[in-house]
mmCIF file of all heavy atoms, coordinates in Angstrom:
data_MODEL
# 
_entry.id   MODEL 
# 
loop_
_atom_site.group_PDB 
_atom_site.id 
_atom_site.type_symbol 
_atom_site.label_atom_id 
_atom_site.label_alt_id 
_atom_site.label_comp_id 
_atom_site.label_asym_id 
_atom_site.label_entity_id 
_atom_site.label_seq_id 
_atom_site.pdbx_PDB_ins_code 
_atom_site.Cartn_x 
_atom_site.Cartn_y 
_atom_site.Cartn_z 
_atom_site.occupancy 
_atom_site.B_iso_or_equiv 
_atom_site.pdbx_formal_charge 
_atom_site.auth_seq_id 
_atom_site.auth_comp_id 
_atom_site.auth_asym_id 
_atom_site.auth_atom_id 
_atom_site.pdbx_PDB_model_num 
ATOM 1   N N   . SER A 1 1  ? 60.918 40.625 160.056 1.00 0.00 ? 1  SER A N   1 
ATOM 2   C CA  . SER A 1 1  ? 61.592 39.393 160.464 1.00 0.00 ? 1  SER A CA  1 
ATOM 3   C C   . SER A 1 1  ? 61.674 39.291 161.983 1.00 0.00 ? 1  SER A C   1 
ATOM 4   O O   . SER A 1 1  ? 61.393 38.237 162.570 1.00 0.00 ? 1  SER A O   1 
ATOM 5   C CB  . SER A 1 1  ? 63.002 39.337 159.860 1.00 0.00 ? 1  SER A CB  1 
ATOM 6   O OG  . SER A 1 1  ? 62.957 39.359 158.455 1.00 0.00 ? 1  SER A OG  1 
ATOM 7   N N   . LEU A 1 2  ? 62.061 40.383 162.631 1.00 0.00 ? 2  LEU A N   1 
ATOM 8   C CA  . LEU A 1 2  ? 62.182 40.375 164.089 1.00 0.00 ? 2  LEU A CA  1 
ATOM 9   C C   . LEU A 1 2  ? 60.818 40.248 164.769 1.00 0.00 ? 2  LEU A C   1 
ATOM 10  O O   . LEU A 1 2  ? 60.678 39.565 165.790 1.00 0.00 ? 2  LEU A O   1 
ATOM 11  C CB  . LEU A 1 2  ? 62.907 41.633 164.558 1.00 0.00 ? 2  LEU A CB  1 
ATOM 12  C CG  . LEU A 1 2  ? 64.377 41.745 164.123 1.00 0.00 ? 2  LEU A CG  1 
ATOM 13  C CD1 . LEU A 1 2  ? 64.954 43.094 164.514 1.00 0.00 ? 2  LEU A CD1 1 
ATOM 14  C CD2 . LEU A 1 2  ? 65.205 40.615 164.729 1.00 0.00 ? 2  LEU A CD2 1 
ATOM 15  N N   . ALA A 1 3  ? 59.816 40.883 164.181 1.00 0.00 ? 3  ALA A N   1 
ATOM 16  C CA  . ALA A 1 3  ? 58.464 40.760 164.741 1.00 0.00 ? 3  ALA A CA  1 
ATOM 17  C C   . ALA A 1 3  ? 57.985 39.313 164.654 1.00 0.00 ? 3  ALA A C   1 
ATOM 18  O O   . ALA A 1 3  ? 57.337 38.802 165.575 1.00 0.00 ? 3  ALA A O   1 
ATOM 19  C CB  . ALA A 1 3  ? 57.499 41.682 163.995 1.00 0.00 ? 3  ALA A CB  1 
ATOM 20  N N   . ALA A 1 4  ? 58.311 38.637 163.548 1.00 0.00 ? 4  ALA A N   1 
ATOM 21  C CA  . ALA A 1 4  ? 57.911 37.242 163.368 1.00 0.00 ? 4  ALA A CA  1 
ATOM 22  C C   . ALA A 1 4  ? 58.593 36.326 164.373 1.00 0.00 ? 4  ALA A C   1 
ATOM 23  O O   . ALA A 1 4  ? 57.982 35.391 164.903 1.00 0.00 ? 4  ALA A O   1 
ATOM 24  C CB  . ALA A 1 4  ? 58.228 36.793 161.937 1.00 0.00 ? 4  ALA A CB  1 
ATOM 25  N N   . VAL A 1 5  ? 59.867 36.589 164.650 1.00 0.00 ? 5  VAL A N   1 
ATOM 26  C CA  . VAL A 1 5  ? 60.587 35.794 165.649 1.00 0.00 ? 5  VAL A CA  1 
ATOM 27  C C   . VAL A 1 5  ? 59.939 35.960 167.021 1.00 0.00 ? 5  VAL A C   1 
ATOM 28  O O   . VAL A 1 5  ? 59.824 35.007 167.793 1.00 0.00 ? 5  VAL A O   1 
ATOM 29  C CB  . VAL A 1 5  ? 62.079 36.202 165.689 1.00 0.00 ? 5  VAL A CB  1 
ATOM 30  C CG1 . VAL A 1 5  ? 62.779 35.615 166.910 1.00 0.00 ? 5  VAL A CG1 1 
ATOM 31  C CG2 . VAL A 1 5  ? 62.778 35.732 164.416 1.00 0.00 ? 5  VAL A CG2 1 
ATOM 32  N N   . GLY A 1 6  ? 59.483 37.166 167.295 1.00 0.00 ? 6  GLY A N   1 
ATOM 33  C CA  . GLY A 1 6  ? 58.809 37.409 168.564 1.00 0.00 ? 6  GLY A CA  1 
ATOM 34  C C   . GLY A 1 6  ? 57.535 36.612 168.735 1.00 0.00 ? 6  GLY A C   1 
ATOM 35  O O   . GLY A 1 6  ? 57.086 36.376 169.871 1.00 0.00 ? 6  GLY A O   1 
ATOM 36  N N   . ARG A 1 7  ? 56.952 36.141 167.628 1.00 0.00 ? 7  ARG A N   1 
ATOM 37  C CA  . ARG A 1 7  ? 55.701 35.367 167.697 1.00 0.00 ? 7  ARG A CA  1 
ATOM 38  C C   . ARG A 1 7  ? 55.899 33.882 167.376 1.00 0.00 ? 7  ARG A C   1 
ATOM 39  O O   . ARG A 1 7  ? 54.924 33.167 167.198 1.00 0.00 ? 7  ARG A O   1 
ATOM 40  C CB  . ARG A 1 7  ? 54.665 35.980 166.743 1.00 0.00 ? 7  ARG A CB  1 
ATOM 41  C CG  . ARG A 1 7  ? 54.308 37.424 167.069 1.00 0.00 ? 7  ARG A CG  1 
ATOM 42  C CD  . ARG A 1 7  ? 53.671 37.591 168.438 1.00 0.00 ? 7  ARG A CD  1 
ATOM 43  N NE  . ARG A 1 7  ? 52.341 37.013 168.482 1.00 0.00 ? 7  ARG A NE  1 
ATOM 44  C CZ  . ARG A 1 7  ? 51.221 37.663 168.147 1.00 0.00 ? 7  ARG A CZ  1 
ATOM 45  N NH1 . ARG A 1 7  ? 51.297 38.908 167.713 1.00 0.00 ? 7  ARG A NH1 1 
ATOM 46  N NH2 . ARG A 1 7  ? 50.053 37.071 168.240 1.00 0.00 ? 7  ARG A NH2 1 
ATOM 47  N N   . GLY A 1 8  ? 57.168 33.449 167.306 1.00 0.00 ? 8  GLY A N   1 
ATOM 48  C CA  . GLY A 1 8  ? 57.395 32.014 167.201 1.00 0.00 ? 8  GLY A CA  1 
ATOM 49  C C   . GLY A 1 8  ? 58.227 31.507 166.042 1.00 0.00 ? 8  GLY A C   1 
ATOM 50  O O   . GLY A 1 8  ? 58.593 30.330 166.008 1.00 0.00 ? 8  GLY A O   1 
ATOM 51  N N   . ALA A 1 9  ? 58.521 32.355 165.044 1.00 0.00 ? 9  ALA A N   1 
ATOM 52  C CA  . ALA A 1 9  ? 59.402 31.909 163.956 1.00 0.00 ? 9  ALA A CA  1 
ATOM 53  C C   . ALA A 1 9  ? 60.794 31.673 164.534 1.00 0.00 ? 9  ALA A C   1 
ATOM 54  O O   . ALA A 1 9  ? 61.236 32.404 165.414 1.00 0.00 ? 9  ALA A O   1 
ATOM 55  C CB  . ALA A 1 9  ? 59.457 32.948 162.843 1.00 0.00 ? 9  ALA A CB  1 
ATOM 56  N N   . ARG A 1 10 ? 61.505 30.668 163.993 1.00 0.00 ? 10 ARG A N   1 
ATOM 57  C CA  . ARG A 1 10 ? 62.833 30.375 164.524 1.00 0.00 ? 10 ARG A CA  1 
ATOM 58  C C   . ARG A 1 10 ? 63.895 30.240 163.438 1.00 0.00 ? 10 ARG A C   1 
ATOM 59  O O   . ARG A 1 10 ? 64.993 29.773 163.695 1.00 0.00 ? 10 ARG A O   1 
ATOM 60  C CB  . ARG A 1 10 ? 62.781 29.119 165.395 1.00 0.00 ? 10 ARG A CB  1 
ATOM 61  C CG  . ARG A 1 10 ? 62.137 29.348 166.764 1.00 0.00 ? 10 ARG A CG  1 
ATOM 62  C CD  . ARG A 1 10 ? 62.922 30.362 167.587 1.00 0.00 ? 10 ARG A CD  1 
ATOM 63  N NE  . ARG A 1 10 ? 62.310 30.641 168.881 1.00 0.00 ? 10 ARG A NE  1 
ATOM 64  C CZ  . ARG A 1 10 ? 61.441 31.618 169.118 1.00 0.00 ? 10 ARG A CZ  1 
ATOM 65  N NH1 . ARG A 1 10 ? 61.082 32.431 168.110 1.00 0.00 ? 10 ARG A NH1 1 
ATOM 66  N NH2 . ARG A 1 10 ? 60.954 31.804 170.327 1.00 0.00 ? 10 ARG A NH2 1 
ATOM 67  N N   . GLN A 1 11 ? 63.587 30.628 162.220 1.00 0.00 ? 11 GLN A N   1 
ATOM 68  C CA  . GLN A 1 11 ? 64.595 30.754 161.182 1.00 0.00 ? 11 GLN A CA  1 
ATOM 69  C C   . GLN A 1 11 ? 64.342 32.056 160.442 1.00 0.00 ? 11 GLN A C   1 
ATOM 70  O O   . GLN A 1 11 ? 63.197 32.365 160.087 1.00 0.00 ? 11 GLN A O   1 
ATOM 71  C CB  . GLN A 1 11 ? 64.559 29.586 160.192 1.00 0.00 ? 11 GLN A CB  1 
ATOM 72  C CG  . GLN A 1 11 ? 65.543 29.753 159.023 1.00 0.00 ? 11 GLN A CG  1 
ATOM 73  C CD  . GLN A 1 11 ? 65.568 28.570 158.075 1.00 0.00 ? 11 GLN A CD  1 
ATOM 74  O OE1 . GLN A 1 11 ? 66.101 27.516 158.413 1.00 0.00 ? 11 GLN A OE1 1 
ATOM 75  N NE2 . GLN A 1 11 ? 64.979 28.720 156.894 1.00 0.00 ? 11 GLN A NE2 1 
ATOM 76  N N   . ILE A 1 12 ? 65.413 32.817 160.204 1.00 0.00 ? 12 ILE A N   1 
ATOM 77  C CA  . ILE A 1 12 ? 65.317 34.058 159.431 1.00 0.00 ? 12 ILE A CA  1 
ATOM 78  C C   . ILE A 1 12 ? 66.172 33.914 158.185 1.00 0.00 ? 12 ILE A C   1 
ATOM 79  O O   . ILE A 1 12 ? 67.354 33.568 158.266 1.00 0.00 ? 12 ILE A O   1 
ATOM 80  C CB  . ILE A 1 12 ? 65.783 35.279 160.243 1.00 0.00 ? 12 ILE A CB  1 
ATOM 81  C CG1 . ILE A 1 12 ? 64.875 35.495 161.461 1.00 0.00 ? 12 ILE A CG1 1 
ATOM 82  C CG2 . ILE A 1 12 ? 65.780 36.528 159.364 1.00 0.00 ? 12 ILE A CG2 1 
ATOM 83  C CD1 . ILE A 1 12 ? 65.303 36.674 162.337 1.00 0.00 ? 12 ILE A CD1 1 
ATOM 84  N N   . GLU A 1 13 ? 65.581 34.184 157.024 1.00 0.00 ? 13 GLU A N   1 
ATOM 85  C CA  . GLU A 1 13 ? 66.303 34.146 155.759 1.00 0.00 ? 13 GLU A CA  1 
ATOM 86  C C   . GLU A 1 13 ? 66.721 35.578 155.414 1.00 0.00 ? 13 GLU A C   1 
ATOM 87  O O   . GLU A 1 13 ? 65.892 36.496 155.435 1.00 0.00 ? 13 GLU A O   1 
ATOM 88  C CB  . GLU A 1 13 ? 65.436 33.519 154.671 1.00 0.00 ? 13 GLU A CB  1 
ATOM 89  C CG  . GLU A 1 13 ? 64.941 32.136 155.106 1.00 0.00 ? 13 GLU A CG  1 
ATOM 90  C CD  . GLU A 1 13 ? 64.370 31.289 153.990 1.00 0.00 ? 13 GLU A CD  1 
ATOM 91  O OE1 . GLU A 1 13 ? 64.353 31.755 152.835 1.00 0.00 ? 13 GLU A OE1 1 
ATOM 92  O OE2 . GLU A 1 13 ? 63.946 30.158 154.279 1.00 0.00 ? 13 GLU A OE2 1 
ATOM 93  N N   . CYS A 1 14 ? 67.995 35.761 155.140 1.00 0.00 ? 14 CYS A N   1 
ATOM 94  C CA  . CYS A 1 14 ? 68.536 37.107 154.999 1.00 0.00 ? 14 CYS A CA  1 
ATOM 95  C C   . CYS A 1 14 ? 69.766 37.088 154.110 1.00 0.00 ? 14 CYS A C   1 
ATOM 96  O O   . CYS A 1 14 ? 70.205 36.024 153.661 1.00 0.00 ? 14 CYS A O   1 
ATOM 97  C CB  . CYS A 1 14 ? 68.873 37.671 156.385 1.00 0.00 ? 14 CYS A CB  1 
ATOM 98  S SG  . CYS A 1 14 ? 69.823 36.532 157.425 1.00 0.00 ? 14 CYS A SG  1 
ATOM 99  N N   . THR A 1 15 ? 70.328 38.267 153.850 1.00 0.00 ? 15 THR A N   1 
ATOM 100 C CA  . THR A 1 15 ? 71.520 38.380 153.003 1.00 0.00 ? 15 THR A CA  1 
ATOM 101 C C   . THR A 1 15 ? 72.491 39.397 153.585 1.00 0.00 ? 15 THR A C   1 
ATOM 102 O O   . THR A 1 15 ? 72.104 40.303 154.325 1.00 0.00 ? 15 THR A O   1 
ATOM 103 C CB  . THR A 1 15 ? 71.162 38.837 151.563 1.00 0.00 ? 15 THR A CB  1 
ATOM 104 O OG1 . THR A 1 15 ? 70.545 40.129 151.627 1.00 0.00 ? 15 THR A OG1 1 
ATOM 105 C CG2 . THR A 1 15 ? 70.238 37.858 150.879 1.00 0.00 ? 15 THR A CG2 1 
ATOM 106 N N   . ILE A 1 16 ? 73.768 39.242 153.228 1.00 0.00 ? 16 ILE A N   1 
ATOM 107 C CA  . ILE A 1 16 ? 74.781 40.228 153.598 1.00 0.00 ? 16 ILE A CA  1 
ATOM 108 C C   . ILE A 1 16 ? 74.469 41.541 152.875 1.00 0.00 ? 16 ILE A C   1 
ATOM 109 O O   . ILE A 1 16 ? 74.167 41.566 151.681 1.00 0.00 ? 16 ILE A O   1 
ATOM 110 C CB  . ILE A 1 16 ? 76.187 39.740 153.200 1.00 0.00 ? 16 ILE A CB  1 
ATOM 111 C CG1 . ILE A 1 16 ? 76.527 38.428 153.929 1.00 0.00 ? 16 ILE A CG1 1 
ATOM 112 C CG2 . ILE A 1 16 ? 77.226 40.814 153.485 1.00 0.00 ? 16 ILE A CG2 1 
ATOM 113 C CD1 . ILE A 1 16 ? 76.673 38.554 155.423 1.00 0.00 ? 16 ILE A CD1 1 
ATOM 114 N N   . ASN A 1 17 ? 74.525 42.635 153.611 1.00 0.00 ? 17 ASN A N   1 
ATOM 115 C CA  . ASN A 1 17 ? 74.266 43.990 153.079 1.00 0.00 ? 17 ASN A CA  1 
ATOM 116 C C   . ASN A 1 17 ? 72.828 44.173 152.587 1.00 0.00 ? 17 ASN A C   1 
ATOM 117 O O   . ASN A 1 17 ? 72.526 45.162 151.923 1.00 0.00 ? 17 ASN A O   1 
ATOM 118 C CB  . ASN A 1 17 ? 75.233 44.347 151.944 1.00 0.00 ? 17 ASN A CB  1 
ATOM 119 C CG  . ASN A 1 17 ? 76.681 44.368 152.393 1.00 0.00 ? 17 ASN A CG  1 
ATOM 120 O OD1 . ASN A 1 17 ? 76.971 44.513 153.579 1.00 0.00 ? 17 ASN A OD1 1 
ATOM 121 N ND2 . ASN A 1 17 ? 77.598 44.218 151.450 1.00 0.00 ? 17 ASN A ND2 1 
ATOM 122 N N   . GLY A 1 18 ? 71.929 43.211 152.885 1.00 0.00 ? 18 GLY A N   1 
ATOM 123 C CA  . GLY A 1 18 ? 70.550 43.336 152.424 1.00 0.00 ? 18 GLY A CA  1 
ATOM 124 C C   . GLY A 1 18 ? 70.406 43.167 150.928 1.00 0.00 ? 18 GLY A C   1 
ATOM 125 O O   . GLY A 1 18 ? 69.412 43.590 150.327 1.00 0.00 ? 18 GLY A O   1 
ATOM 126 N N   . LEU A 1 19 ? 71.384 42.509 150.293 1.00 0.00 ? 19 LEU A N   1 
ATOM 127 C CA  . LEU A 1 19 ? 71.365 42.298 148.850 1.00 0.00 ? 19 LEU A CA  1 
ATOM 128 C C   . LEU A 1 19 ? 70.135 41.486 148.444 1.00 0.00 ? 19 LEU A C   1 
ATOM 129 O O   . LEU A 1 19 ? 69.653 40.662 149.208 1.00 0.00 ? 19 LEU A O   1 
ATOM 130 C CB  . LEU A 1 19 ? 72.636 41.543 148.457 1.00 0.00 ? 19 LEU A CB  1 
ATOM 131 C CG  . LEU A 1 19 ? 73.160 41.661 147.028 1.00 0.00 ? 19 LEU A CG  1 
ATOM 132 C CD1 . LEU A 1 19 ? 73.574 43.096 146.739 1.00 0.00 ? 19 LEU A CD1 1 
ATOM 133 C CD2 . LEU A 1 19 ? 74.357 40.728 146.844 1.00 0.00 ? 19 LEU A CD2 1 
ATOM 134 N N   . GLY A 1 20 ? 69.629 41.714 147.247 1.00 0.00 ? 20 GLY A N   1 
ATOM 135 C CA  . GLY A 1 20 ? 68.495 40.921 146.775 1.00 0.00 ? 20 GLY A CA  1 
ATOM 136 C C   . GLY A 1 20 ? 67.704 41.631 145.695 1.00 0.00 ? 20 GLY A C   1 
ATOM 137 O O   . GLY A 1 20 ? 67.995 42.773 145.335 1.00 0.00 ? 20 GLY A O   1 
ATOM 138 N N   . GLU A 1 21 ? 66.688 40.933 145.187 1.00 0.00 ? 21 GLU A N   1 
ATOM 139 C CA  . GLU A 1 21 ? 65.860 41.494 144.112 1.00 0.00 ? 21 GLU A CA  1 
ATOM 140 C C   . GLU A 1 21 ? 65.177 42.789 144.549 1.00 0.00 ? 21 GLU A C   1 
ATOM 141 O O   . GLU A 1 21 ? 64.834 42.963 145.716 1.00 0.00 ? 21 GLU A O   1 
ATOM 142 C CB  . GLU A 1 21 ? 64.801 40.471 143.691 1.00 0.00 ? 21 GLU A CB  1 
ATOM 143 C CG  . GLU A 1 21 ? 65.371 39.263 142.976 1.00 0.00 ? 21 GLU A CG  1 
ATOM 144 C CD  . GLU A 1 21 ? 64.281 38.418 142.349 1.00 0.00 ? 21 GLU A CD  1 
ATOM 145 O OE1 . GLU A 1 21 ? 63.746 37.536 143.030 1.00 0.00 ? 21 GLU A OE1 1 
ATOM 146 O OE2 . GLU A 1 21 ? 63.966 38.649 141.173 1.00 0.00 ? 21 GLU A OE2 1 
ATOM 147 N N   . ARG A 1 22 ? 64.973 43.663 143.590 1.00 0.00 ? 22 ARG A N   1 
ATOM 148 C CA  . ARG A 1 22 ? 64.307 44.949 143.800 1.00 0.00 ? 22 ARG A CA  1 
ATOM 149 C C   . ARG A 1 22 ? 64.994 45.719 144.942 1.00 0.00 ? 22 ARG A C   1 
ATOM 150 O O   . ARG A 1 22 ? 66.151 46.071 144.828 1.00 0.00 ? 22 ARG A O   1 
ATOM 151 C CB  . ARG A 1 22 ? 62.810 44.746 144.062 1.00 0.00 ? 22 ARG A CB  1 
ATOM 152 C CG  . ARG A 1 22 ? 62.090 44.004 142.943 1.00 0.00 ? 22 ARG A CG  1 
ATOM 153 C CD  . ARG A 1 22 ? 60.583 43.913 143.217 1.00 0.00 ? 22 ARG A CD  1 
ATOM 154 N NE  . ARG A 1 22 ? 60.259 43.492 144.557 1.00 0.00 ? 22 ARG A NE  1 
ATOM 155 C CZ  . ARG A 1 22 ? 60.258 42.220 144.974 1.00 0.00 ? 22 ARG A CZ  1 
ATOM 156 N NH1 . ARG A 1 22 ? 60.539 41.243 144.142 1.00 0.00 ? 22 ARG A NH1 1 
ATOM 157 N NH2 . ARG A 1 22 ? 59.984 41.936 146.234 1.00 0.00 ? 22 ARG A NH2 1 
ATOM 158 N N   . ALA A 1 23 ? 64.298 45.961 146.041 1.00 0.00 ? 23 ALA A N   1 
ATOM 159 C CA  . ALA A 1 23 ? 64.874 46.721 147.154 1.00 0.00 ? 23 ALA A CA  1 
ATOM 160 C C   . ALA A 1 23 ? 65.674 45.845 148.110 1.00 0.00 ? 23 ALA A C   1 
ATOM 161 O O   . ALA A 1 23 ? 66.184 46.328 149.120 1.00 0.00 ? 23 ALA A O   1 
ATOM 162 C CB  . ALA A 1 23 ? 63.754 47.437 147.920 1.00 0.00 ? 23 ALA A CB  1 
ATOM 163 N N   . GLY A 1 24 ? 65.794 44.555 147.794 1.00 0.00 ? 24 GLY A N   1 
ATOM 164 C CA  . GLY A 1 24 ? 66.643 43.680 148.598 1.00 0.00 ? 24 GLY A CA  1 
ATOM 165 C C   . GLY A 1 24 ? 65.894 42.878 149.642 1.00 0.00 ? 24 GLY A C   1 
ATOM 166 O O   . GLY A 1 24 ? 64.660 42.898 149.741 1.00 0.00 ? 24 GLY A O   1 
ATOM 167 N N   . ASN A 1 25 ? 66.661 42.135 150.422 1.00 0.00 ? 25 ASN A N   1 
ATOM 168 C CA  . ASN A 1 25 ? 66.160 41.278 151.489 1.00 0.00 ? 25 ASN A CA  1 
ATOM 169 C C   . ASN A 1 25 ? 66.468 41.875 152.855 1.00 0.00 ? 25 ASN A C   1 
ATOM 170 O O   . ASN A 1 25 ? 67.146 42.893 152.966 1.00 0.00 ? 25 ASN A O   1 
ATOM 171 C CB  . ASN A 1 25 ? 66.831 39.898 151.405 1.00 0.00 ? 25 ASN A CB  1 
ATOM 172 C CG  . ASN A 1 25 ? 66.385 39.094 150.202 1.00 0.00 ? 25 ASN A CG  1 
ATOM 173 O OD1 . ASN A 1 25 ? 65.444 38.329 150.260 1.00 0.00 ? 25 ASN A OD1 1 
ATOM 174 N ND2 . ASN A 1 25 ? 67.093 39.271 149.084 1.00 0.00 ? 25 ASN A ND2 1 
ATOM 175 N N   . ALA A 1 26 ? 66.032 41.194 153.888 1.00 0.00 ? 26 ALA A N   1 
ATOM 176 C CA  . ALA A 1 26 ? 66.415 41.582 155.241 1.00 0.00 ? 26 ALA A CA  1 
ATOM 177 C C   . ALA A 1 26 ? 67.925 41.455 155.368 1.00 0.00 ? 26 ALA A C   1 
ATOM 178 O O   . ALA A 1 26 ? 68.515 40.463 154.946 1.00 0.00 ? 26 ALA A O   1 
ATOM 179 C CB  . ALA A 1 26 ? 65.713 40.677 156.255 1.00 0.00 ? 26 ALA A CB  1 
ATOM 180 N N   . ALA A 1 27 ? 68.577 42.460 155.944 1.00 0.00 ? 27 ALA A N   1 
ATOM 181 C CA  . ALA A 1 27 ? 70.034 42.477 156.078 1.00 0.00 ? 27 ALA A CA  1 
ATOM 182 C C   . ALA A 1 27 ? 70.455 41.644 157.278 1.00 0.00 ? 27 ALA A C   1 
ATOM 183 O O   . ALA A 1 27 ? 70.038 41.919 158.403 1.00 0.00 ? 27 ALA A O   1 
ATOM 184 C CB  . ALA A 1 27 ? 70.537 43.906 156.221 1.00 0.00 ? 27 ALA A CB  1 
# 
């Protein structure tokens, strides 16, 4: 996610505590 922001992304989709399916999402 952070690498993508460095190249121009300007929205990050994430969850509290990295909760999410399987191993989770970006925290």
